[in-house]
């Protein structure tokens, strides 16, 4: 496992550096390959050393980690601590909401960006599609349209929706902190993670952003917490009907805000069932738990079918699922067109207009895929995939580069997330960074009541923060978050601590889906920051029942 971590880390750093600077990988660069080999060896040896020291301390009844506390463990695996009362929960929830308030006032009416205008227009024009999750479209558009009709103010409508979303997300954060308290983290750790959830800019950005990513990531966090409770004591979990119901509802709601969440959860179910089969005592209990995991899938399929029928929505466009092959063939067209026959070109432009192929850019697929001929694809899928395979055999490295250029920002820690460079929004043009959208799209209009905070968030979102503070920026980097998760989860896999892995599987599988997405943006992986406290605080390993990491 330490070798796997070393190999992956070396690949991420060296190939990521090449992609960032050269827009392609160069396997013939001997210096780069030697550097990568050295990094793999050094990281493997260092990781093995750290893990062995961790094992030694764990076996000596002494846990190594950021957070330790002296408490006794209950039979079910839950740490017995002073109770976290309803008043404590409400206080934590209120504190989190209050910490978000200054940023909300600084960015009034809130960050209204990332397809926000399109979703609102679907409600206003009564013209729906399943391109955006219908539940989110109806929530966002319905609340904004209702408040606008009552007050005449679009800003108040946007503000109302952002507050509604903020209360849901901070309530989930408060529940997570309550769970961590029950696991045994100390008071100082609880304060630290409360400040983290309430003040860390990446988290605040999406708590106060109208995009579906905030709610999706929050429900994915809640699902992770509930699965951790399930693996603690399956029998006790199923006895508490409110908790079992919460798992069903959360697993149903999570994919309602991002379609890829459904596929990730669907793949998770077999792993969850295998784990439960080996860790429950009776077939009856296994049957109940199996139903608990499967019911959300049925509910999601029925709910979305009914919703699509009621609102007469158009079907999902195929280009969302075909982003990678579209970009691969577009790259061949741009850089190796002379290798294509006229028949190949004619076939390609029958699916993707020539004007779109000419707009190919390395790091984002939006301009290429936007006018994809879905109707013709449905009639002739074989032609599309036949051309894809033919060009792949001629240009495997072009295909590899095309895919990596839309995804390497997720695995290369120093990557500058500036995929929209040169793109113009309503009030600014992306130049230095597109870390976060920052915009208030029409019909909203920003009125900052605290300009200094507004300036800070503009700097972090679209300014030169990446270049000015390279070390600090790593805390904001998806690639750095990924390395932390890999380090911890591979260690748990090494010691066969499947109990510490299963709850994170839906999140891991969701992450794998974004590697096939249209580009690399923080919005697609904000759950990496949300689940971090669980990753670092949730496990009690080996022969140390009186302490907790």
Protein backbone atom coordinates (compact mmCIF):
# COMPACT_ATOMS: atom_id res chain seq x y z
CA UNK A 1 0.00 0.00 0.00
CA UNK A 2 2.86 2.39 0.73
CA UNK A 3 4.29 1.48 -2.66
CA UNK A 4 0.96 2.23 -4.33
CA UNK A 5 0.80 5.60 -2.57
CA UNK A 6 4.36 6.38 -3.67
CA UNK A 7 3.73 5.40 -7.29
CA UNK A 8 0.50 7.40 -7.53
CA UNK A 9 2.06 10.45 -5.87
CA UNK A 10 5.02 10.39 -8.25
CA UNK A 11 2.70 10.10 -11.25
CA UNK A 12 0.49 12.93 -10.03
CA UNK A 13 3.37 15.34 -9.43
CA UNK A 14 5.46 14.73 -12.55
CA UNK A 15 2.72 14.21 -15.11
CA UNK A 16 0.71 17.01 -13.55
CA UNK A 17 3.69 19.34 -13.89
CA UNK A 18 4.06 18.45 -17.56
CA UNK A 19 0.35 18.96 -18.26
CA UNK A 20 0.29 22.27 -16.39
CA UNK A 21 3.26 23.67 -18.27
CA UNK A 22 3.27 21.91 -21.66
CA UNK A 23 -0.38 20.94 -22.21
CA UNK A 24 0.70 17.33 -22.77
CA UNK A 25 2.71 14.56 -21.17
CA UNK A 26 6.12 13.59 -22.56
CA UNK A 27 7.17 10.08 -21.64
CA UNK A 28 10.36 10.45 -23.67
CA UNK A 29 11.67 13.15 -21.30
CA UNK A 30 14.34 11.15 -19.45
CA UNK A 31 14.88 13.77 -16.75
CA UNK A 32 11.16 13.85 -15.97
CA UNK A 33 10.94 10.05 -15.86
CA UNK A 34 14.00 9.82 -13.60
CA UNK A 35 12.54 12.49 -11.32
CA UNK A 36 9.27 10.57 -11.18
CA UNK A 37 11.08 7.32 -10.30
CA UNK A 38 13.03 9.05 -7.51
CA UNK A 39 9.87 10.62 -6.10
CA UNK A 40 8.11 7.25 -6.13
CA UNK A 41 10.94 5.62 -4.19
CA UNK A 42 11.35 8.43 -1.66
CA UNK A 43 7.59 8.80 -0.99
CA UNK A 44 7.21 5.02 -0.68
CA UNK A 45 10.05 4.72 1.85
CA UNK A 46 8.86 7.72 3.86
CA UNK A 47 5.26 6.50 3.89
CA UNK A 48 6.31 3.04 4.99
CA UNK A 49 8.38 4.58 7.79
CA UNK A 50 5.51 6.75 9.01
CA UNK A 51 3.03 3.87 8.91
CA UNK A 52 5.40 1.55 10.80
CA UNK A 53 5.81 4.16 13.52
CA UNK A 54 2.05 4.55 13.63
CA UNK A 55 1.69 0.76 14.02
CA UNK A 56 4.23 0.70 16.84
CA UNK A 57 2.46 3.43 18.79
CA UNK A 58 -0.93 1.84 18.15
CA UNK A 59 0.21 -1.55 19.42
CA UNK A 60 1.66 0.15 22.46
CA UNK A 61 -1.81 1.46 23.38
CA UNK A 62 -0.83 4.92 22.26
CA UNK A 63 -2.46 6.46 19.21
CA UNK A 64 -0.71 8.90 16.93
CA UNK A 65 -2.84 11.64 15.46
CA UNK A 66 -4.07 15.17 15.68
CA UNK A 67 -6.85 14.52 18.15
CA UNK A 68 -6.80 12.35 21.25
CA UNK A 69 -9.01 12.10 24.29
CA UNK A 70 -9.25 9.89 27.34
CA UNK A 71 -12.71 8.35 27.35
CA UNK A 72 -14.18 4.89 27.62
CA UNK A 73 -15.62 3.02 24.66
CA UNK A 74 -19.11 1.53 24.70
CA UNK A 75 -19.71 -2.02 23.42
CA UNK A 76 -21.19 -0.75 20.15
CA UNK A 77 -18.03 1.08 19.21
CA UNK A 78 -19.29 4.52 20.13
CA UNK A 79 -17.23 6.57 22.50
CA UNK A 80 -18.94 7.38 25.79
CA UNK A 81 -18.56 11.10 26.45
CA UNK A 82 -20.58 13.83 28.09
CA UNK A 83 -23.92 14.08 26.21
CA UNK A 84 -24.34 16.45 23.30
CA UNK A 85 -27.75 17.91 24.09
CA UNK A 86 -30.33 19.49 21.81
CA UNK A 87 -29.29 22.87 23.19
CA UNK A 88 -25.66 22.12 22.25
CA UNK A 89 -26.76 21.19 18.74
CA UNK A 90 -28.81 24.36 18.28
CA UNK A 91 -25.97 26.46 19.67
CA UNK A 92 -23.50 24.89 17.23
CA UNK A 93 -25.94 25.31 14.35
CA UNK A 94 -26.53 28.95 15.25
CA UNK A 95 -22.81 29.63 15.58
CA UNK A 96 -22.14 28.17 12.12
CA UNK A 97 -24.91 30.26 10.58
CA UNK A 98 -23.64 33.42 12.27
CA UNK A 99 -20.10 32.80 11.00
CA UNK A 100 -21.47 32.73 7.45
CA UNK A 101 -23.48 35.93 7.91
CA UNK A 102 -20.64 38.47 7.40
CA UNK A 103 -19.69 36.84 4.09
CA UNK A 104 -23.33 36.76 3.01
CA UNK A 105 -23.64 40.47 3.73
CA UNK A 106 -20.37 41.13 1.93
CA UNK A 107 -21.63 39.21 -1.12
CA UNK A 108 -25.31 40.18 -0.90
CA UNK A 109 -27.53 38.61 -2.18
CA UNK A 110 -25.12 35.65 -2.28
CA UNK A 111 -23.13 33.85 -4.96
CA UNK A 112 -25.69 33.38 -7.77
CA UNK A 113 -23.57 31.56 -10.33
CA UNK A 114 -22.87 28.25 -12.14
CA UNK A 115 -26.04 27.69 -14.23
CA UNK A 116 -28.12 29.74 -11.78
CA UNK A 117 -29.65 31.90 -14.49
CA UNK A 118 -30.49 28.86 -16.63
CA UNK A 119 -32.19 27.08 -13.74
CA UNK A 120 -34.22 30.16 -12.82
CA UNK A 121 -35.28 30.61 -16.46
CA UNK A 122 -36.55 27.03 -16.59
CA UNK A 123 -39.04 27.89 -13.85
CA UNK A 124 -39.96 31.30 -15.28
CA UNK A 125 -40.55 29.90 -18.79
CA UNK A 126 -41.98 26.56 -17.63
CA UNK A 127 -39.53 24.84 -19.96
CA UNK A 128 -37.74 22.07 -18.09
CA UNK A 129 -35.02 19.59 -18.92
CA UNK A 130 -33.18 16.96 -16.89
CA UNK A 131 -29.82 18.54 -17.73
CA UNK A 132 -29.99 20.14 -14.28
CA UNK A 133 -31.51 18.10 -11.43
CA UNK A 134 -35.21 18.97 -11.39
CA UNK A 135 -35.49 19.08 -7.61
CA UNK A 136 -32.81 21.75 -7.42
CA UNK A 137 -34.33 23.68 -10.34
CA UNK A 138 -37.72 23.73 -8.63
CA UNK A 139 -36.32 24.69 -5.25
CA UNK A 140 -34.08 27.48 -6.54
CA UNK A 141 -36.40 28.82 -9.20
CA UNK A 142 -39.56 28.38 -7.12
CA UNK A 143 -38.25 30.23 -4.06
CA UNK A 144 -36.72 33.08 -6.08
CA UNK A 145 -39.80 33.48 -8.30
CA UNK A 146 -42.18 33.42 -5.31
CA UNK A 147 -40.25 36.04 -3.33
CA UNK A 148 -39.87 38.21 -6.42
CA UNK A 149 -43.59 38.06 -7.05
CA UNK A 150 -44.27 39.05 -3.43
CA UNK A 151 -41.66 41.80 -3.13
CA UNK A 152 -40.68 42.79 -6.67
CA UNK A 153 -37.00 42.19 -5.82
CA UNK A 154 -34.86 39.56 -7.51
CA UNK A 155 -32.12 40.15 -4.95
CA UNK A 156 -34.44 39.33 -2.06
CA UNK A 157 -35.49 36.16 -3.84
CA UNK A 158 -31.87 35.07 -4.34
CA UNK A 159 -31.01 36.03 -0.75
CA UNK A 160 -33.96 33.98 0.58
CA UNK A 161 -32.86 30.91 -1.34
CA UNK A 162 -29.23 31.27 -0.21
CA UNK A 163 -30.34 31.56 3.44
CA UNK A 164 -32.58 28.50 3.02
CA UNK A 165 -29.66 26.51 1.61
CA UNK A 166 -27.23 27.82 4.24
CA UNK A 167 -29.50 26.65 7.06
CA UNK A 168 -29.71 23.14 5.61
CA UNK A 169 -25.96 22.86 5.05
CA UNK A 170 -24.99 24.27 8.47
CA UNK A 171 -27.53 21.95 10.12
CA UNK A 172 -25.69 19.00 8.55
CA UNK A 173 -22.36 20.44 9.71
CA UNK A 174 -23.74 20.71 13.26
CA UNK A 175 -24.91 17.09 13.15
CA UNK A 176 -21.45 16.01 11.96
CA UNK A 177 -19.84 17.85 14.86
CA UNK A 178 -22.31 16.23 17.27
CA UNK A 179 -21.32 12.83 15.90
CA UNK A 180 -17.60 13.61 16.26
CA UNK A 181 -18.25 14.66 19.86
CA UNK A 182 -19.83 11.29 20.54
CA UNK A 183 -16.81 9.63 18.97
CA UNK A 184 -14.69 11.25 21.64
CA UNK A 185 -12.94 14.29 20.18
CA UNK A 186 -12.01 16.87 22.79
CA UNK A 187 -13.39 20.36 23.29
CA UNK A 188 -10.50 22.06 21.52
CA UNK A 189 -10.87 19.78 18.51
CA UNK A 190 -14.59 20.45 18.40
CA UNK A 191 -13.98 24.20 18.44
CA UNK A 192 -11.35 23.84 15.70
CA UNK A 193 -13.67 21.91 13.39
CA UNK A 194 -16.56 24.28 14.12
CA UNK A 195 -14.38 27.18 13.01
CA UNK A 196 -13.28 25.12 10.00
CA UNK A 197 -16.86 24.54 8.85
CA UNK A 198 -17.87 28.12 9.54
CA UNK A 199 -14.88 30.08 8.26
CA UNK A 200 -12.77 28.12 5.77
CA UNK A 201 -13.32 30.03 2.50
CA UNK A 202 -13.76 27.04 0.18
CA UNK A 203 -16.54 25.70 2.39
CA UNK A 204 -18.18 29.11 2.88
CA UNK A 205 -18.14 29.75 -0.89
CA UNK A 206 -20.39 26.77 -1.54
CA UNK A 207 -22.49 27.16 1.58
CA UNK A 208 -23.48 30.56 0.16
CA UNK A 209 -23.55 29.60 -3.53
CA UNK A 210 -26.74 28.84 -5.43
CA UNK A 211 -25.16 25.95 -7.34
CA UNK A 212 -26.37 22.43 -6.63
CA UNK A 213 -22.89 21.43 -5.50
CA UNK A 214 -23.29 22.81 -1.98
CA UNK A 215 -26.40 20.80 -1.14
CA UNK A 216 -25.10 17.72 -2.94
CA UNK A 217 -21.82 17.76 -1.01
CA UNK A 218 -23.61 18.38 2.29
CA UNK A 219 -25.92 15.39 1.76
CA UNK A 220 -22.91 13.28 0.74
CA UNK A 221 -21.27 14.31 4.04
CA UNK A 222 -24.41 13.35 5.96
CA UNK A 223 -24.54 10.01 4.14
CA UNK A 224 -20.93 9.38 5.16
CA UNK A 225 -21.75 10.13 8.81
CA UNK A 226 -24.78 7.82 8.77
CA UNK A 227 -22.81 5.01 7.12
CA UNK A 228 -20.14 5.43 9.80
CA UNK A 229 -22.86 5.00 12.43
CA UNK A 230 -24.17 1.97 10.57
CA UNK A 231 -20.76 0.28 10.51
CA UNK A 232 -20.24 1.07 14.21
CA UNK A 233 -23.12 -1.19 15.22
CA UNK A 234 -25.49 -2.44 12.48
CA UNK A 235 -27.97 -3.99 14.96
CA UNK A 236 -28.22 -0.83 17.05
CA UNK A 237 -28.52 1.32 13.94
CA UNK A 238 -31.51 -0.58 12.54
CA UNK A 239 -33.24 -0.46 15.93
CA UNK A 240 -33.24 3.34 15.89
CA UNK A 241 -35.96 3.95 13.32
CA UNK A 242 -35.25 7.66 13.06
CA UNK A 243 -31.63 7.01 12.12
CA UNK A 244 -32.57 4.30 9.62
CA UNK A 245 -35.11 6.66 8.05
CA UNK A 246 -32.47 9.39 7.91
CA UNK A 247 -30.14 7.09 5.96
CA UNK A 248 -32.89 6.26 3.44
CA UNK A 249 -33.85 9.90 2.98
CA UNK A 250 -30.25 11.09 2.70
CA UNK A 251 -29.27 8.39 0.19
CA UNK A 252 -32.35 9.40 -1.82
CA UNK A 253 -31.76 13.17 -1.67
CA UNK A 254 -28.02 13.12 -2.36
CA UNK A 255 -28.30 12.05 -6.04
CA UNK A 256 -31.30 14.35 -6.51
CA UNK A 257 -28.78 17.22 -6.59
CA UNK A 258 -26.20 15.59 -8.88
CA UNK A 259 -26.84 12.73 -11.29
CA UNK A 260 -23.38 11.21 -10.83
CA UNK A 261 -24.19 10.71 -7.14
CA UNK A 262 -26.76 8.10 -8.16
CA UNK A 263 -24.26 6.05 -10.15
CA UNK A 264 -21.73 6.27 -7.33
CA UNK A 265 -24.29 5.07 -4.77
CA UNK A 266 -25.44 2.30 -7.10
CA UNK A 267 -21.88 0.95 -7.36
CA UNK A 268 -21.45 1.32 -3.58
CA UNK A 269 -24.37 -0.98 -2.73
CA UNK A 270 -22.62 -4.30 -3.55
CA UNK A 271 -19.61 -3.30 -1.43
CA UNK A 272 -21.91 -2.29 1.41
CA UNK A 273 -23.83 -5.58 1.21
CA UNK A 274 -20.65 -7.67 1.18
CA UNK A 275 -19.39 -5.83 4.28
CA UNK A 276 -22.71 -6.28 6.10
CA UNK A 277 -22.92 -9.97 5.18
CA UNK A 278 -19.63 -10.53 6.97
CA UNK A 279 -20.44 -8.37 9.99
CA UNK A 280 -24.03 -9.13 10.98
CA UNK A 281 -25.16 -12.09 13.05
CA UNK A 282 -28.48 -13.08 11.46
CA UNK A 283 -29.97 -13.30 7.98
CA UNK A 284 -32.98 -11.34 9.19
CA UNK A 285 -30.81 -8.40 10.19
CA UNK A 286 -28.94 -8.61 6.88
CA UNK A 287 -32.24 -8.54 5.02
CA UNK A 288 -33.37 -5.40 6.83
CA UNK A 289 -30.07 -3.65 6.23
CA UNK A 290 -30.09 -4.69 2.56
CA UNK A 291 -33.53 -3.17 2.13
CA UNK A 292 -32.29 -0.03 3.86
CA UNK A 293 -29.57 0.39 1.23
CA UNK A 294 -31.71 -0.51 -1.79
CA UNK A 295 -34.90 1.47 -1.02
CA UNK A 296 -33.28 4.86 -1.87
CA UNK A 297 -32.44 3.61 -5.38
CA UNK A 298 -36.05 2.64 -6.08
CA UNK A 299 -37.33 5.88 -4.55
CA UNK A 300 -34.94 7.95 -6.65
CA UNK A 301 -35.91 6.26 -9.92
CA UNK A 302 -39.64 6.59 -9.23
CA UNK A 303 -39.37 10.17 -7.99
CA UNK A 304 -37.37 11.38 -10.98
CA UNK A 305 -39.63 9.59 -13.46
CA UNK A 306 -42.72 11.17 -11.93
CA UNK A 307 -41.09 14.59 -11.73
CA UNK A 308 -39.95 14.42 -15.37
CA UNK A 309 -43.44 13.36 -16.49
CA UNK A 310 -45.25 16.03 -14.48
CA UNK A 311 -43.05 18.84 -15.79
CA UNK A 312 -42.73 17.43 -19.32
CA UNK A 313 -38.97 17.80 -19.17
CA UNK A 314 -36.62 17.00 -22.02
CA UNK A 315 -34.26 14.09 -21.62
CA UNK A 316 -30.63 14.32 -20.63
CA UNK A 317 -28.30 15.32 -23.45
CA UNK A 318 -25.82 12.62 -24.40
CA UNK A 319 -22.85 14.98 -24.51
CA UNK A 320 -22.74 15.08 -20.72
CA UNK A 321 -21.87 11.39 -20.69
CA UNK A 322 -19.65 11.61 -23.77
CA UNK A 323 -17.39 14.46 -22.68
CA UNK A 324 -14.18 12.42 -22.78
CA UNK A 325 -14.61 10.83 -26.24
CA UNK A 326 -15.85 14.15 -27.67
CA UNK A 327 -12.75 15.95 -26.41
CA UNK A 328 -10.46 13.16 -27.59
CA UNK A 329 -11.72 13.30 -31.18
CA UNK A 330 -11.79 17.11 -31.11
CA UNK A 331 -8.11 17.14 -30.11
CA UNK A 332 -7.23 14.83 -32.99
CA UNK A 333 -9.18 17.14 -35.32
CA UNK A 334 -7.32 20.22 -34.09
CA UNK A 335 -3.75 18.88 -33.96
CA UNK A 336 -3.70 15.89 -36.34
CA UNK A 337 -6.37 16.71 -38.88
CA UNK A 338 -4.06 15.75 -41.75
CA UNK A 339 -4.16 12.14 -40.53
CA UNK A 340 -7.96 12.02 -40.93
CA UNK A 341 -9.61 11.11 -44.20
CA UNK A 342 -12.35 13.33 -45.58
CA UNK A 343 -14.81 10.59 -44.69
CA UNK A 344 -13.60 10.68 -41.07
CA UNK A 345 -14.01 14.45 -40.94
CA UNK A 346 -17.49 14.27 -42.46
CA UNK A 347 -18.50 11.65 -39.91
CA UNK A 348 -17.14 13.71 -37.02
CA UNK A 349 -18.85 16.96 -38.05
CA UNK A 350 -22.15 15.11 -38.39
CA UNK A 351 -22.01 14.70 -34.60
CA UNK A 352 -20.05 17.82 -33.61
CA UNK A 353 -20.38 21.00 -35.74
CA UNK A 354 -17.13 22.14 -37.34
CA UNK A 355 -17.44 25.55 -35.67
CA UNK A 356 -17.39 23.81 -32.28
CA UNK A 357 -14.40 21.65 -33.19
CA UNK A 358 -12.49 24.82 -34.07
CA UNK A 359 -13.16 26.13 -30.56
CA UNK A 360 -11.35 23.23 -28.87
CA UNK A 361 -9.50 24.29 -25.72
CA UNK A 362 -7.47 21.88 -23.62
CA UNK A 363 -9.05 22.21 -20.20
CA UNK A 364 -12.79 22.60 -20.64
CA UNK A 365 -15.23 20.90 -23.00
CA UNK A 366 -18.19 23.30 -22.88
CA UNK A 367 -17.55 25.07 -26.19
CA UNK A 368 -17.01 21.80 -28.07
CA UNK A 369 -19.89 19.70 -26.78
CA UNK A 370 -22.61 22.39 -26.53
CA UNK A 371 -24.16 21.73 -29.98
CA UNK A 372 -23.64 17.96 -30.07
CA UNK A 373 -26.16 16.34 -32.44
CA UNK A 374 -28.08 14.17 -29.96
CA UNK A 375 -30.75 13.17 -32.44
CA UNK A 376 -28.24 11.85 -34.97
CA UNK A 377 -26.28 10.08 -32.20
CA UNK A 378 -29.40 8.21 -31.13
CA UNK A 379 -29.93 7.08 -34.71
CA UNK A 380 -26.31 6.12 -35.36
CA UNK A 381 -24.34 5.37 -32.22
CA UNK A 382 -22.24 2.80 -34.08
CA UNK A 383 -20.86 5.49 -36.38
CA UNK A 384 -19.73 7.62 -33.46
CA UNK A 385 -17.99 4.80 -31.62
CA UNK A 386 -16.58 3.32 -34.82
CA UNK A 387 -14.83 6.62 -35.57
CA UNK A 388 -13.70 6.93 -31.96
CA UNK A 389 -12.05 3.50 -32.07
CA UNK A 390 -10.46 4.14 -35.48
CA UNK A 391 -8.84 7.40 -34.28
CA UNK A 392 -7.81 5.84 -30.98
CA UNK A 393 -5.73 3.20 -32.75
CA UNK A 394 -3.89 5.96 -34.62
CA UNK A 395 -3.52 8.47 -31.78
CA UNK A 396 -3.52 6.79 -28.32
CA UNK A 397 -1.33 9.51 -26.75
CA UNK A 398 -3.55 12.27 -28.12
CA UNK A 399 -6.52 10.54 -26.49
CA UNK A 400 -4.63 10.20 -23.20
CA UNK A 401 -3.63 13.88 -23.22
CA UNK A 402 -7.16 15.01 -24.09
CA UNK A 403 -8.55 13.15 -21.07
CA UNK A 404 -5.82 14.11 -18.61
CA UNK A 405 -6.03 17.80 -19.51
CA UNK A 406 -9.64 17.96 -18.30
CA UNK A 407 -8.93 16.10 -15.06
CA UNK A 408 -5.32 16.52 -13.85
CA UNK A 409 -6.25 19.49 -11.65
CA UNK A 410 -7.91 17.04 -9.28
CA UNK A 411 -4.68 15.13 -8.62
CA UNK A 412 -1.87 17.69 -9.06
CA UNK A 413 -1.68 19.77 -5.85
CA UNK A 414 -0.01 22.93 -7.30
CA UNK A 415 -2.41 23.08 -10.28
CA UNK A 416 -3.78 26.54 -11.00
CA UNK A 417 -7.50 26.09 -11.52
CA UNK A 418 -7.94 28.56 -14.35
CA UNK A 419 -9.93 26.56 -16.89
CA UNK A 420 -12.12 29.52 -17.88
CA UNK A 421 -9.23 31.89 -18.61
CA UNK A 422 -10.40 34.53 -21.08
CA UNK A 423 -14.08 33.77 -20.48
CA UNK A 424 -16.28 36.80 -19.82
CA UNK A 425 -19.00 36.85 -17.17
CA UNK A 426 -21.52 39.61 -16.46
CA UNK A 427 -19.13 41.79 -14.44
CA UNK A 428 -15.63 40.43 -15.02
CA UNK A 429 -13.37 38.39 -17.29
CA UNK A 430 -11.42 35.40 -15.94
CA UNK A 431 -7.71 36.18 -16.12
CA UNK A 432 -5.62 34.85 -13.24
CA UNK A 433 -7.85 32.14 -11.78
CA UNK A 434 -11.28 30.53 -12.02
CA UNK A 435 -11.09 28.82 -8.63
CA UNK A 436 -14.65 29.96 -7.85
CA UNK A 437 -17.34 31.67 -9.90
CA UNK A 438 -17.77 34.63 -7.52
CA UNK A 439 -20.37 36.20 -9.85
CA UNK A 440 -23.95 37.31 -9.24
CA UNK A 441 -25.66 36.43 -12.50
CA UNK A 442 -28.61 38.42 -13.79
CA UNK A 443 -31.27 39.22 -12.74
CA UNK A 444 -29.36 39.51 -9.45
CA UNK A 445 -27.01 42.38 -8.68
CA UNK A 446 -24.29 42.49 -6.03
CA UNK A 447 -24.51 45.09 -3.26
CA UNK A 448 -21.67 44.54 -0.80
CA UNK A 449 -22.22 45.75 2.76
CA UNK A 450 -18.71 44.73 3.87
CA UNK A 451 -16.38 45.58 0.94
CA UNK A 452 -13.21 44.33 2.64
CA UNK A 453 -14.58 40.77 2.85
CA UNK A 454 -15.87 41.06 -0.69
CA UNK A 455 -12.37 42.00 -1.86
CA UNK A 456 -10.90 39.01 -0.03
CA UNK A 457 -13.28 36.54 -1.66
CA UNK A 458 -12.74 38.10 -5.08
CA UNK A 459 -8.98 37.70 -4.57
CA UNK A 460 -9.34 34.05 -3.53
CA UNK A 461 -11.79 33.27 -6.33
CA UNK A 462 -10.44 34.99 -9.44
CA UNK A 463 -7.32 36.82 -8.25
CA UNK A 464 -3.65 35.96 -7.96
CA UNK A 465 -3.84 34.02 -4.68
CA UNK A 466 -2.42 30.90 -6.36
CA UNK A 467 0.73 32.76 -7.39
CA UNK A 468 1.10 34.94 -4.29
CA UNK A 469 0.88 32.21 -1.62
CA UNK A 470 1.83 28.90 -3.20
CA UNK A 471 2.24 27.03 0.10
CA UNK A 472 -0.98 28.33 1.66
CA UNK A 473 -2.82 27.63 -1.58
CA UNK A 474 -2.23 23.89 -1.07
CA UNK A 475 -4.93 23.97 1.64
CA UNK A 476 -7.32 25.10 -1.10
CA UNK A 477 -6.11 22.50 -3.63
CA UNK A 478 -8.19 19.45 -4.63
CA UNK A 479 -4.95 17.63 -5.42
CA UNK A 480 -3.67 18.09 -1.87
CA UNK A 481 -7.00 16.91 -0.44
CA UNK A 482 -6.77 13.83 -2.64
CA UNK A 483 -3.29 12.96 -1.35
CA UNK A 484 -4.54 13.22 2.25
CA UNK A 485 -7.44 10.87 1.52
CA UNK A 486 -5.16 8.44 -0.30
CA UNK A 487 -2.67 8.43 2.56
CA UNK A 488 -5.32 7.64 5.18
CA UNK A 489 -7.52 5.23 3.21
CA UNK A 490 -4.61 3.21 1.83
CA UNK A 491 -3.26 2.85 5.37
CA UNK A 492 -6.64 1.56 6.52
CA UNK A 493 -6.69 -0.83 3.58
CA UNK A 494 -3.21 -2.02 4.58
CA UNK A 495 -4.38 -2.94 8.08
CA UNK A 496 -7.74 -4.23 6.76
CA UNK A 497 -9.71 -1.61 8.62
CA UNK A 498 -12.69 -1.91 6.26
CA UNK A 499 -14.89 -0.34 8.90
CA UNK A 500 -12.97 2.86 8.34
CA UNK A 501 -13.26 2.63 4.54
CA UNK A 502 -16.86 1.62 3.78
CA UNK A 503 -18.46 4.94 4.89
CA UNK A 504 -16.20 6.86 2.49
CA UNK A 505 -16.87 4.66 -0.54
CA UNK A 506 -19.78 6.74 -1.94
CA UNK A 507 -17.53 9.80 -1.77
CA UNK A 508 -14.60 7.97 -3.40
CA UNK A 509 -16.82 6.61 -6.18
CA UNK A 510 -18.30 10.06 -6.75
CA UNK A 511 -14.78 11.43 -7.10
CA UNK A 512 -13.97 8.80 -9.73
CA UNK A 513 -16.93 9.96 -11.82
CA UNK A 514 -15.62 13.54 -12.02
CA UNK A 515 -12.41 12.29 -13.63
CA UNK A 516 -14.59 11.70 -16.70
CA UNK A 517 -16.20 15.12 -16.47
CA UNK A 518 -16.01 18.27 -18.60
CA UNK A 519 -13.24 20.00 -16.65
CA UNK A 520 -11.62 20.25 -13.20
CA UNK A 521 -13.29 22.66 -10.80
CA UNK A 522 -13.55 22.81 -7.01
CA UNK A 523 -17.35 22.83 -7.25
CA UNK A 524 -17.34 19.18 -8.34
CA UNK A 525 -15.24 17.99 -5.37
CA UNK A 526 -16.11 20.34 -2.49
CA UNK A 527 -17.08 17.22 -0.47
CA UNK A 528 -13.34 16.53 -0.09
CA UNK A 529 -13.19 19.46 2.33
CA UNK A 530 -16.52 18.68 4.01
CA UNK A 531 -15.62 15.07 4.86
CA UNK A 532 -12.09 15.87 6.07
CA UNK A 533 -12.98 16.07 9.80
CA UNK A 534 -14.56 12.62 9.59
CA UNK A 535 -11.48 11.23 7.89
CA UNK A 536 -9.11 12.59 10.53
CA UNK A 537 -11.22 12.07 13.64
CA UNK A 538 -13.38 9.04 13.07
CA UNK A 539 -11.23 5.98 13.70
CA UNK A 540 -10.05 4.16 16.78
CA UNK A 541 -7.51 1.57 15.73
CA UNK A 542 -5.91 -1.49 17.19
CA UNK A 543 -5.20 -1.99 20.89
CA UNK A 544 -6.04 1.43 22.18
CA UNK A 545 -9.68 1.39 23.29
CA UNK A 546 -9.28 4.43 25.51
CA UNK A 547 -8.08 6.84 22.87
CA UNK A 548 -9.36 8.19 19.59
CA UNK A 549 -7.87 9.71 16.45
